[in-house]
Amino acid sequence: MPLATLAPLAAAADEIPAPLREPVARYACLSCHGMVRKQVGPGFAQIAARYRNDPEAPARLADKLRDGSVGAWGRVIMPRQPHMSLDESRRLAQWVLSQPSPP
């Protein structure tokens, strides 16, 4: 992969809390999601903005992280992550939902 391609990933990784960097890397979250804007799937800030006032969002998002989904953001498929633990999915969901709204 060219270095110019890796630079945005490295910059995004700096914005991720240290305890979540390993699972974000292991599950390749940044391969599809940007911190703010859509790449393949929606940006984390876009997800947070959509679900900000939904009290059930943390549990639903944690389930989507493990079970995958399609249709919530068009025809884009969120692949299953069957090896993701319930604790990991809950921590990642909470962090995604804590992102500020996109500018």
PDB file of N, CA and C in Angstrom:
ATOM      1  N   MET A   1       0.854  -1.177   0.000  1.00  0.00           N
ATOM      2  CA  MET A   1       0.000   0.000   0.000  1.00  0.00           C
ATOM      3  C   MET A   1       0.899   1.239   0.000  1.00  0.00           C
ATOM      4  N   PRO A   2       0.646   2.217  -0.872  1.00  0.00           N
ATOM      5  CA  PRO A   2       1.477   3.416  -0.912  1.00  0.00           C
ATOM      6  C   PRO A   2       1.383   4.203   0.393  1.00  0.00           C
ATOM      7  N   LEU A   3       2.484   4.872   0.746  1.00  0.00           N
ATOM      8  CA  LEU A   3       2.513   5.652   1.985  1.00  0.00           C
ATOM      9  C   LEU A   3       1.433   6.719   2.022  1.00  0.00           C
ATOM     10  N   ALA A   4       1.116   7.333   0.887  1.00  0.00           N
ATOM     11  CA  ALA A   4       0.068   8.359   0.848  1.00  0.00           C
ATOM     12  C   ALA A   4      -1.270   7.784   1.269  1.00  0.00           C
ATOM     13  N   THR A   5      -1.496   6.505   1.007  1.00  0.00           N
ATOM     14  CA  THR A   5      -2.745   5.849   1.399  1.00  0.00           C
ATOM     15  C   THR A   5      -2.768   5.583   2.895  1.00  0.00           C
ATOM     16  N   LEU A   6      -1.622   5.312   3.480  1.00  0.00           N
ATOM     17  CA  LEU A   6      -1.550   4.984   4.898  1.00  0.00           C
ATOM     18  C   LEU A   6      -1.630   6.209   5.801  1.00  0.00           C
ATOM     19  N   ALA A   7      -1.268   7.383   5.310  1.00  0.00           N
ATOM     20  CA  ALA A   7      -1.256   8.591   6.139  1.00  0.00           C
ATOM     21  C   ALA A   7      -2.603   8.893   6.775  1.00  0.00           C
ATOM     22  N   PRO A   8      -3.736   8.877   6.027  1.00  0.00           N
ATOM     23  CA  PRO A   8      -5.020   9.147   6.678  1.00  0.00           C
ATOM     24  C   PRO A   8      -5.368   8.118   7.752  1.00  0.00           C
ATOM     25  N   LEU A   9      -4.987   6.854   7.534  1.00  0.00           N
ATOM     26  CA  LEU A   9      -5.261   5.823   8.539  1.00  0.00           C
ATOM     27  C   LEU A   9      -4.463   6.088   9.805  1.00  0.00           C
ATOM     28  N   ALA A  10      -3.227   6.497   9.660  1.00  0.00           N
ATOM     29  CA  ALA A  10      -2.400   6.799  10.829  1.00  0.00           C
ATOM     30  C   ALA A  10      -2.955   7.996  11.581  1.00  0.00           C
ATOM     31  N   ALA A  11      -3.399   9.015  10.872  1.00  0.00           N
ATOM     32  CA  ALA A  11      -3.973  10.199  11.520  1.00  0.00           C
ATOM     33  C   ALA A  11      -5.248   9.832  12.264  1.00  0.00           C
ATOM     34  N   ALA A  12      -6.093   9.003  11.650  1.00  0.00           N
ATOM     35  CA  ALA A  12      -7.340   8.581  12.298  1.00  0.00           C
ATOM     36  C   ALA A  12      -7.040   7.758  13.543  1.00  0.00           C
ATOM     37  N   ALA A  13      -6.031   6.917  13.483  1.00  0.00           N
ATOM     38  CA  ALA A  13      -5.689   6.078  14.635  1.00  0.00           C
ATOM     39  C   ALA A  13      -5.298   6.925  15.836  1.00  0.00           C
ATOM     40  N   ASP A  14      -4.722   8.095  15.606  1.00  0.00           N
ATOM     41  CA  ASP A  14      -4.362   8.983  16.709  1.00  0.00           C
ATOM     42  C   ASP A  14      -5.583   9.496  17.456  1.00  0.00           C
ATOM     43  N   GLU A  15      -6.739   9.510  16.810  1.00  0.00           N
ATOM     44  CA  GLU A  15      -7.972  10.006  17.435  1.00  0.00           C
ATOM     45  C   GLU A  15      -8.693   8.926  18.236  1.00  0.00           C
ATOM     46  N   ILE A  16      -8.227   7.713  18.157  1.00  0.00           N
ATOM     47  CA  ILE A  16      -8.873   6.587  18.832  1.00  0.00           C
ATOM     48  C   ILE A  16      -8.235   6.401  20.205  1.00  0.00           C
ATOM     49  N   PRO A  17      -9.056   6.281  21.258  1.00  0.00           N
ATOM     50  CA  PRO A  17      -8.494   6.063  22.593  1.00  0.00           C
ATOM     51  C   PRO A  17      -7.607   4.812  22.611  1.00  0.00           C
ATOM     52  N   ALA A  18      -6.524   4.874  23.331  1.00  0.00           N
ATOM     53  CA  ALA A  18      -5.546   3.783  23.365  1.00  0.00           C
ATOM     54  C   ALA A  18      -6.166   2.396  23.607  1.00  0.00           C
ATOM     55  N   PRO A  19      -7.107   2.249  24.549  1.00  0.00           N
ATOM     56  CA  PRO A  19      -7.658   0.901  24.785  1.00  0.00           C
ATOM     57  C   PRO A  19      -8.465   0.344  23.602  1.00  0.00           C
ATOM     58  N   LEU A  20      -8.892   1.218  22.681  1.00  0.00           N
ATOM     59  CA  LEU A  20      -9.693   0.746  21.549  1.00  0.00           C
ATOM     60  C   LEU A  20      -8.882   0.592  20.262  1.00  0.00           C
ATOM     61  N   ARG A  21      -7.655   1.035  20.252  1.00  0.00           N
ATOM     62  CA  ARG A  21      -6.848   0.967  19.030  1.00  0.00           C
ATOM     63  C   ARG A  21      -6.647  -0.460  18.547  1.00  0.00           C
ATOM     64  N   GLU A  22      -6.394  -1.359  19.475  1.00  0.00           N
ATOM     65  CA  GLU A  22      -6.157  -2.752  19.081  1.00  0.00           C
ATOM     66  C   GLU A  22      -7.404  -3.377  18.452  1.00  0.00           C
ATOM     67  N   PRO A  23      -8.601  -3.284  19.077  1.00  0.00           N
ATOM     68  CA  PRO A  23      -9.764  -3.875  18.407  1.00  0.00           C
ATOM     69  C   PRO A  23     -10.129  -3.157  17.107  1.00  0.00           C
ATOM     70  N   VAL A  24      -9.965  -1.851  17.030  1.00  0.00           N
ATOM     71  CA  VAL A  24     -10.258  -1.131  15.789  1.00  0.00           C
ATOM     72  C   VAL A  24      -9.343  -1.645  14.678  1.00  0.00           C
ATOM     73  N   ALA A  25      -8.086  -1.883  15.001  1.00  0.00           N
ATOM     74  CA  ALA A  25      -7.148  -2.415  14.005  1.00  0.00           C
ATOM     75  C   ALA A  25      -7.463  -3.870  13.674  1.00  0.00           C
ATOM     76  N   ARG A  26      -7.724  -4.688  14.689  1.00  0.00           N
ATOM     77  CA  ARG A  26      -7.976  -6.120  14.465  1.00  0.00           C
ATOM     78  C   ARG A  26      -9.197  -6.348  13.593  1.00  0.00           C
ATOM     79  N   TYR A  27     -10.244  -5.551  13.799  1.00  0.00           N
ATOM     80  CA  TYR A  27     -11.469  -5.717  13.020  1.00  0.00           C
ATOM     81  C   TYR A  27     -11.501  -4.824  11.785  1.00  0.00           C
ATOM     82  N   ALA A  28     -10.407  -4.117  11.522  1.00  0.00           N
ATOM     83  CA  ALA A  28     -10.237  -3.296  10.310  1.00  0.00           C
ATOM     84  C   ALA A  28     -11.358  -2.276  10.122  1.00  0.00           C
ATOM     85  N   CYS A  29     -11.789  -1.668  11.208  1.00  0.00           N
ATOM     86  CA  CYS A  29     -12.886  -0.690  11.155  1.00  0.00           C
ATOM     87  C   CYS A  29     -12.576   0.464  10.203  1.00  0.00           C
ATOM     88  N   LEU A  30     -11.323   0.935  10.227  1.00  0.00           N
ATOM     89  CA  LEU A  30     -10.956   2.090   9.407  1.00  0.00           C
ATOM     90  C   LEU A  30     -10.800   1.739   7.928  1.00  0.00           C
ATOM     91  N   SER A  31     -10.921   0.475   7.593  1.00  0.00           N
ATOM     92  CA  SER A  31     -10.909   0.088   6.176  1.00  0.00           C
ATOM     93  C   SER A  31     -12.195   0.529   5.492  1.00  0.00           C
ATOM     94  N   CYS A  32     -13.266   0.637   6.250  1.00  0.00           N
ATOM     95  CA  CYS A  32     -14.569   1.005   5.682  1.00  0.00           C
ATOM     96  C   CYS A  32     -15.122   2.318   6.218  1.00  0.00           C
ATOM     97  N   HIS A  33     -14.754   2.683   7.437  1.00  0.00           N
ATOM     98  CA  HIS A  33     -15.323   3.864   8.085  1.00  0.00           C
ATOM     99  C   HIS A  33     -14.279   4.950   8.274  1.00  0.00           C
ATOM    100  N   GLY A  34     -14.655   6.186   7.959  1.00  0.00           N
ATOM    101  CA  GLY A  34     -13.833   7.336   8.302  1.00  0.00           C
ATOM    102  C   GLY A  34     -14.239   7.830   9.671  1.00  0.00           C
ATOM    103  N   MET A  35     -13.436   8.683  10.237  1.00  0.00           N
ATOM    104  CA  MET A  35     -13.791   9.248  11.535  1.00  0.00           C
ATOM    105  C   MET A  35     -15.004  10.166  11.403  1.00  0.00           C
ATOM    106  N   VAL A  36     -15.086  10.899  10.294  1.00  0.00           N
ATOM    107  CA  VAL A  36     -16.160  11.871  10.127  1.00  0.00           C
ATOM    108  C   VAL A  36     -17.058  11.514   8.948  1.00  0.00           C
ATOM    109  N   ARG A  37     -16.488  11.268   7.805  1.00  0.00           N
ATOM    110  CA  ARG A  37     -17.255  11.091   6.565  1.00  0.00           C
ATOM    111  C   ARG A  37     -17.247   9.650   6.075  1.00  0.00           C
ATOM    112  N   LYS A  38     -18.169   9.376   5.197  1.00  0.00           N
ATOM    113  CA  LYS A  38     -18.312   8.063   4.578  1.00  0.00           C
ATOM    114  C   LYS A  38     -17.077   7.713   3.769  1.00  0.00           C
ATOM    115  N   GLN A  39     -16.675   6.470   3.863  1.00  0.00           N
ATOM    116  CA  GLN A  39     -15.698   5.868   2.975  1.00  0.00           C
ATOM    117  C   GLN A  39     -16.477   4.808   2.209  1.00  0.00           C
ATOM    118  N   VAL A  40     -16.468   3.588   2.691  1.00  0.00           N
ATOM    119  CA  VAL A  40     -17.346   2.548   2.158  1.00  0.00           C
ATOM    120  C   VAL A  40     -18.658   2.603   2.929  1.00  0.00           C
ATOM    121  N   GLY A  41     -18.526   2.604   4.249  1.00  0.00           N
ATOM    122  CA  GLY A  41     -19.666   2.771   5.139  1.00  0.00           C
ATOM    123  C   GLY A  41     -19.629   4.165   5.735  1.00  0.00           C
ATOM    124  N   PRO A  42     -20.615   4.523   6.519  1.00  0.00           N
ATOM    125  CA  PRO A  42     -20.693   5.873   7.084  1.00  0.00           C
ATOM    126  C   PRO A  42     -19.539   6.163   8.033  1.00  0.00           C
ATOM    127  N   GLY A  43     -19.229   7.443   8.171  1.00  0.00           N
ATOM    128  CA  GLY A  43     -18.226   7.860   9.141  1.00  0.00           C
ATOM    129  C   GLY A  43     -18.760   7.704  10.552  1.00  0.00           C
ATOM    130  N   PHE A  44     -17.858   7.543  11.501  1.00  0.00           N
ATOM    131  CA  PHE A  44     -18.281   7.375  12.890  1.00  0.00           C
ATOM    132  C   PHE A  44     -19.102   8.568  13.373  1.00  0.00           C
ATOM    133  N   ALA A  45     -18.731   9.770  12.976  1.00  0.00           N
ATOM    134  CA  ALA A  45     -19.491  10.959  13.380  1.00  0.00           C
ATOM    135  C   ALA A  45     -20.894  10.942  12.770  1.00  0.00           C
ATOM    136  N   GLN A  46     -21.022  10.427  11.557  1.00  0.00           N
ATOM    137  CA  GLN A  46     -22.342  10.320  10.928  1.00  0.00           C
ATOM    138  C   GLN A  46     -23.218   9.323  11.680  1.00  0.00           C
ATOM    139  N   ILE A  47     -22.629   8.223  12.096  1.00  0.00           N
ATOM    140  CA  ILE A  47     -23.378   7.216  12.862  1.00  0.00           C
ATOM    141  C   ILE A  47     -23.848   7.836  14.185  1.00  0.00           C
ATOM    142  N   ALA A  48     -22.931   8.511  14.864  1.00  0.00           N
ATOM    143  CA  ALA A  48     -23.284   9.140  16.145  1.00  0.00           C
ATOM    144  C   ALA A  48     -24.403  10.155  15.959  1.00  0.00           C
ATOM    145  N   ALA A  49     -24.331  10.959  14.901  1.00  0.00           N
ATOM    146  CA  ALA A  49     -25.359  11.977  14.666  1.00  0.00           C
ATOM    147  C   ALA A  49     -26.720  11.341  14.417  1.00  0.00           C
ATOM    148  N   ARG A  50     -26.756  10.259  13.659  1.00  0.00           N
ATOM    149  CA  ARG A  50     -28.032   9.610  13.349  1.00  0.00           C
ATOM    150  C   ARG A  50     -28.691   9.043  14.591  1.00  0.00           C
ATOM    151  N   TYR A  51     -27.904   8.479  15.488  1.00  0.00           N
ATOM    152  CA  TYR A  51     -28.467   7.754  16.627  1.00  0.00           C
ATOM    153  C   TYR A  51     -28.344   8.499  17.954  1.00  0.00           C
ATOM    154  N   ARG A  52     -27.942   9.752  17.908  1.00  0.00           N
ATOM    155  CA  ARG A  52     -27.655  10.518  19.123  1.00  0.00           C
ATOM    156  C   ARG A  52     -28.794  10.484  20.155  1.00  0.00           C
ATOM    157  N   ASN A  53     -30.027  10.578  19.745  1.00  0.00           N
ATOM    158  CA  ASN A  53     -31.155  10.651  20.685  1.00  0.00           C
ATOM    159  C   ASN A  53     -31.899   9.331  20.837  1.00  0.00           C
ATOM    160  N   ASP A  54     -31.275   8.249  20.438  1.00  0.00           N
ATOM    161  CA  ASP A  54     -31.898   6.932  20.514  1.00  0.00           C
ATOM    162  C   ASP A  54     -31.301   6.160  21.693  1.00  0.00           C
ATOM    163  N   PRO A  55     -32.060   6.001  22.786  1.00  0.00           N
ATOM    164  CA  PRO A  55     -31.509   5.325  23.959  1.00  0.00           C
ATOM    165  C   PRO A  55     -31.181   3.857  23.727  1.00  0.00           C
ATOM    166  N   GLU A  56     -31.749   3.244  22.702  1.00  0.00           N
ATOM    167  CA  GLU A  56     -31.473   1.837  22.415  1.00  0.00           C
ATOM    168  C   GLU A  56     -30.304   1.654  21.452  1.00  0.00           C
ATOM    169  N   ALA A  57     -29.766   2.746  20.956  1.00  0.00           N
ATOM    170  CA  ALA A  57     -28.705   2.676  19.947  1.00  0.00           C
ATOM    171  C   ALA A  57     -27.457   1.929  20.416  1.00  0.00           C
ATOM    172  N   PRO A  58     -26.968   2.133  21.644  1.00  0.00           N
ATOM    173  CA  PRO A  58     -25.744   1.410  22.022  1.00  0.00           C
ATOM    174  C   PRO A  58     -25.873  -0.106  21.907  1.00  0.00           C
ATOM    175  N   ALA A  59     -26.967  -0.650  22.377  1.00  0.00           N
ATOM    176  CA  ALA A  59     -27.157  -2.106  22.302  1.00  0.00           C
ATOM    177  C   ALA A  59     -27.351  -2.567  20.859  1.00  0.00           C
ATOM    178  N   ARG A  60     -28.135  -1.813  20.064  1.00  0.00           N
ATOM    179  CA  ARG A  60     -28.356  -2.196  18.663  1.00  0.00           C
ATOM    180  C   ARG A  60     -27.073  -2.125  17.855  1.00  0.00           C
ATOM    181  N   LEU A  61     -26.283  -1.070  18.076  1.00  0.00           N
ATOM    182  CA  LEU A  61     -25.033  -0.938  17.346  1.00  0.00           C
ATOM    183  C   LEU A  61     -24.054  -2.045  17.752  1.00  0.00           C
ATOM    184  N   ALA A  62     -23.994  -2.367  19.022  1.00  0.00           N
ATOM    185  CA  ALA A  62     -23.126  -3.462  19.472  1.00  0.00           C
ATOM    186  C   ALA A  62     -23.519  -4.765  18.784  1.00  0.00           C
ATOM    187  N   ASP A  63     -24.814  -5.014  18.659  1.00  0.00           N
ATOM    188  CA  ASP A  63     -25.285  -6.217  17.950  1.00  0.00           C
ATOM    189  C   ASP A  63     -24.886  -6.178  16.481  1.00  0.00           C
ATOM    190  N   LYS A  64     -25.021  -5.006  15.838  1.00  0.00           N
ATOM    191  CA  LYS A  64     -24.654  -4.884  14.425  1.00  0.00           C
ATOM    192  C   LYS A  64     -23.158  -5.115  14.216  1.00  0.00           C
ATOM    193  N   LEU A  65     -22.358  -4.702  15.170  1.00  0.00           N
ATOM    194  CA  LEU A  65     -20.918  -4.924  15.057  1.00  0.00           C
ATOM    195  C   LEU A  65     -20.605  -6.416  15.022  1.00  0.00           C
ATOM    196  N   ARG A  66     -21.277  -7.187  15.833  1.00  0.00           N
ATOM    197  CA  ARG A  66     -21.020  -8.634  15.883  1.00  0.00           C
ATOM    198  C   ARG A  66     -21.757  -9.391  14.790  1.00  0.00           C
ATOM    199  N   ASP A  67     -23.018  -9.019  14.540  1.00  0.00           N
ATOM    200  CA  ASP A  67     -23.874  -9.796  13.638  1.00  0.00           C
ATOM    201  C   ASP A  67     -23.876  -9.295  12.201  1.00  0.00           C
ATOM    202  N   GLY A  68     -23.381  -8.080  11.971  1.00  0.00           N
ATOM    203  CA  GLY A  68     -23.429  -7.490  10.643  1.00  0.00           C
ATOM    204  C   GLY A  68     -24.815  -6.944  10.343  1.00  0.00           C
ATOM    205  N   SER A  69     -24.933  -6.227   9.235  1.00  0.00           N
ATOM    206  CA  SER A  69     -26.238  -5.699   8.828  1.00  0.00           C
ATOM    207  C   SER A  69     -26.142  -5.199   7.395  1.00  0.00           C
ATOM    208  N   VAL A  70     -27.291  -4.923   6.832  1.00  0.00           N
ATOM    209  CA  VAL A  70     -27.372  -4.313   5.511  1.00  0.00           C
ATOM    210  C   VAL A  70     -28.657  -3.516   5.465  1.00  0.00           C
ATOM    211  N   GLY A  71     -28.613  -2.374   4.795  1.00  0.00           N
ATOM    212  CA  GLY A  71     -29.825  -1.594   4.601  1.00  0.00           C
ATOM    213  C   GLY A  71     -29.961  -0.350   5.454  1.00  0.00           C
ATOM    214  N   ALA A  72     -29.241  -0.271   6.553  1.00  0.00           N
ATOM    215  CA  ALA A  72     -29.369   0.910   7.418  1.00  0.00           C
ATOM    216  C   ALA A  72     -28.780   2.160   6.759  1.00  0.00           C
ATOM    217  N   TRP A  73     -27.806   1.967   5.870  1.00  0.00           N
ATOM    218  CA  TRP A  73     -27.114   3.078   5.195  1.00  0.00           C
ATOM    219  C   TRP A  73     -27.106   2.828   3.690  1.00  0.00           C
ATOM    220  N   GLY A  74     -28.203   2.356   3.168  1.00  0.00           N
ATOM    221  CA  GLY A  74     -28.258   2.028   1.738  1.00  0.00           C
ATOM    222  C   GLY A  74     -27.921   0.557   1.547  1.00  0.00           C
ATOM    223  N   ARG A  75     -27.293   0.258   0.438  1.00  0.00           N
ATOM    224  CA  ARG A  75     -27.009  -1.136   0.111  1.00  0.00           C
ATOM    225  C   ARG A  75     -25.658  -1.609   0.621  1.00  0.00           C
ATOM    226  N   VAL A  76     -25.007  -0.800   1.415  1.00  0.00           N
ATOM    227  CA  VAL A  76     -23.700  -1.153   1.959  1.00  0.00           C
ATOM    228  C   VAL A  76     -23.866  -2.248   3.004  1.00  0.00           C
ATOM    229  N   ILE A  77     -23.018  -3.252   2.926  1.00  0.00           N
ATOM    230  CA  ILE A  77     -23.061  -4.376   3.868  1.00  0.00           C
ATOM    231  C   ILE A  77     -22.043  -4.157   4.979  1.00  0.00           C
ATOM    232  N   MET A  78     -22.522  -4.249   6.209  1.00  0.00           N
ATOM    233  CA  MET A  78     -21.633  -4.270   7.368  1.00  0.00           C
ATOM    234  C   MET A  78     -21.360  -5.739   7.644  1.00  0.00           C
ATOM    235  N   PRO A  79     -20.109  -6.200   7.424  1.00  0.00           N
ATOM    236  CA  PRO A  79     -19.838  -7.630   7.606  1.00  0.00           C
ATOM    237  C   PRO A  79     -19.900  -8.048   9.072  1.00  0.00           C
ATOM    238  N   ARG A  80     -20.239  -9.314   9.264  1.00  0.00           N
ATOM    239  CA  ARG A  80     -20.254  -9.874  10.617  1.00  0.00           C
ATOM    240  C   ARG A  80     -18.836  -9.903  11.175  1.00  0.00           C
ATOM    241  N   GLN A  81     -18.744  -9.755  12.469  1.00  0.00           N
ATOM    242  CA  GLN A  81     -17.478  -9.897  13.187  1.00  0.00           C
ATOM    243  C   GLN A  81     -17.703 -10.955  14.270  1.00  0.00           C
ATOM    244  N   PRO A  82     -17.818 -12.227  13.877  1.00  0.00           N
ATOM    245  CA  PRO A  82     -18.222 -13.270  14.825  1.00  0.00           C
ATOM    246  C   PRO A  82     -17.247 -13.492  15.978  1.00  0.00           C
ATOM    247  N   HIS A  83     -15.999 -13.064  15.836  1.00  0.00           N
ATOM    248  CA  HIS A  83     -15.028 -13.257  16.911  1.00  0.00           C
ATOM    249  C   HIS A  83     -14.979 -12.087  17.884  1.00  0.00           C
ATOM    250  N   MET A  84     -15.757 -11.039  17.603  1.00  0.00           N
ATOM    251  CA  MET A  84     -15.787  -9.880  18.487  1.00  0.00           C
ATOM    252  C   MET A  84     -16.569 -10.244  19.756  1.00  0.00           C
ATOM    253  N   SER A  85     -15.980  -9.953  20.890  1.00  0.00           N
ATOM    254  CA  SER A  85     -16.663 -10.259  22.149  1.00  0.00           C
ATOM    255  C   SER A  85     -17.774  -9.236  22.401  1.00  0.00           C
ATOM    256  N   LEU A  86     -18.701  -9.597  23.255  1.00  0.00           N
ATOM    257  CA  LEU A  86     -19.779  -8.688  23.633  1.00  0.00           C
ATOM    258  C   LEU A  86     -19.193  -7.429  24.276  1.00  0.00           C
ATOM    259  N   ASP A  87     -18.187  -7.594  25.125  1.00  0.00           N
ATOM    260  CA  ASP A  87     -17.550  -6.439  25.763  1.00  0.00           C
ATOM    261  C   ASP A  87     -16.907  -5.525  24.719  1.00  0.00           C
ATOM    262  N   GLU A  88     -16.186  -6.095  23.765  1.00  0.00           N
ATOM    263  CA  GLU A  88     -15.578  -5.278  22.707  1.00  0.00           C
ATOM    264  C   GLU A  88     -16.631  -4.522  21.920  1.00  0.00           C
ATOM    265  N   SER A  89     -17.697  -5.214  21.546  1.00  0.00           N
ATOM    266  CA  SER A  89     -18.734  -4.562  20.734  1.00  0.00           C
ATOM    267  C   SER A  89     -19.403  -3.436  21.514  1.00  0.00           C
ATOM    268  N   ARG A  90     -19.615  -3.626  22.792  1.00  0.00           N
ATOM    269  CA  ARG A  90     -20.226  -2.571  23.617  1.00  0.00           C
ATOM    270  C   ARG A  90     -19.303  -1.364  23.757  1.00  0.00           C
ATOM    271  N   ARG A  91     -18.008  -1.617  23.984  1.00  0.00           N
ATOM    272  CA  ARG A  91     -17.054  -0.508  24.122  1.00  0.00           C
ATOM    273  C   ARG A  91     -16.904   0.258  22.812  1.00  0.00           C
ATOM    274  N   LEU A  92     -16.826  -0.469  21.694  1.00  0.00           N
ATOM    275  CA  LEU A  92     -16.710   0.194  20.393  1.00  0.00           C
ATOM    276  C   LEU A  92     -17.974   0.976  20.060  1.00  0.00           C
ATOM    277  N   ALA A  93     -19.138   0.406  20.346  1.00  0.00           N
ATOM    278  CA  ALA A  93     -20.402   1.106  20.075  1.00  0.00           C
ATOM    279  C   ALA A  93     -20.484   2.398  20.880  1.00  0.00           C
ATOM    280  N   GLN A  94     -20.143   2.339  22.155  1.00  0.00           N
ATOM    281  CA  GLN A  94     -20.182   3.542  22.999  1.00  0.00           C
ATOM    282  C   GLN A  94     -19.240   4.606  22.455  1.00  0.00           C
ATOM    283  N   TRP A  95     -18.054   4.192  22.031  1.00  0.00           N
ATOM    284  CA  TRP A  95     -17.084   5.158  21.511  1.00  0.00           C
ATOM    285  C   TRP A  95     -17.585   5.775  20.201  1.00  0.00           C
ATOM    286  N   VAL A  96     -18.084   4.948  19.283  1.00  0.00           N
ATOM    287  CA  VAL A  96     -18.612   5.482  18.014  1.00  0.00           C
ATOM    288  C   VAL A  96     -19.724   6.483  18.303  1.00  0.00           C
ATOM    289  N   LEU A  97     -20.633   6.133  19.187  1.00  0.00           N
ATOM    290  CA  LEU A  97     -21.770   7.001  19.484  1.00  0.00           C
ATOM    291  C   LEU A  97     -21.368   8.274  20.248  1.00  0.00           C
ATOM    292  N   SER A  98     -20.152   8.312  20.777  1.00  0.00           N
ATOM    293  CA  SER A  98     -19.689   9.508  21.500  1.00  0.00           C
ATOM    294  C   SER A  98     -19.043  10.538  20.567  1.00  0.00           C
ATOM    295  N   GLN A  99     -18.921  10.223  19.296  1.00  0.00           N
ATOM    296  CA  GLN A  99     -18.268  11.146  18.359  1.00  0.00           C
ATOM    297  C   GLN A  99     -19.098  12.418  18.161  1.00  0.00           C
ATOM    298  N   PRO A 100     -18.424  13.541  17.992  1.00  0.00           N
ATOM    299  CA  PRO A 100     -19.169  14.804  17.741  1.00  0.00           C
ATOM    300  C   PRO A 100     -19.812  14.758  16.361  1.00  0.00           C
ATOM    301  N   SER A 101     -20.856  15.552  16.191  1.00  0.00           N
ATOM    302  CA  SER A 101     -21.537  15.630  14.899  1.00  0.00           C
ATOM    303  C   SER A 101     -20.570  16.137  13.835  1.00  0.00           C
ATOM    304  N   PRO A 102     -20.742  15.652  12.606  1.00  0.00           N
ATOM    305  CA  PRO A 102     -19.857  16.121  11.535  1.00  0.00           C
ATOM    306  C   PRO A 102     -20.054  17.620  11.294  1.00  0.00           C
ATOM    307  N   PRO A 103     -18.976  18.303  10.900  1.00  0.00           N
ATOM    308  CA  PRO A 103     -19.082  19.759  10.654  1.00  0.00           C
ATOM    309  C   PRO A 103     -19.972  20.071   9.454  1.00  0.00           C
TER     310      PRO A 103
END
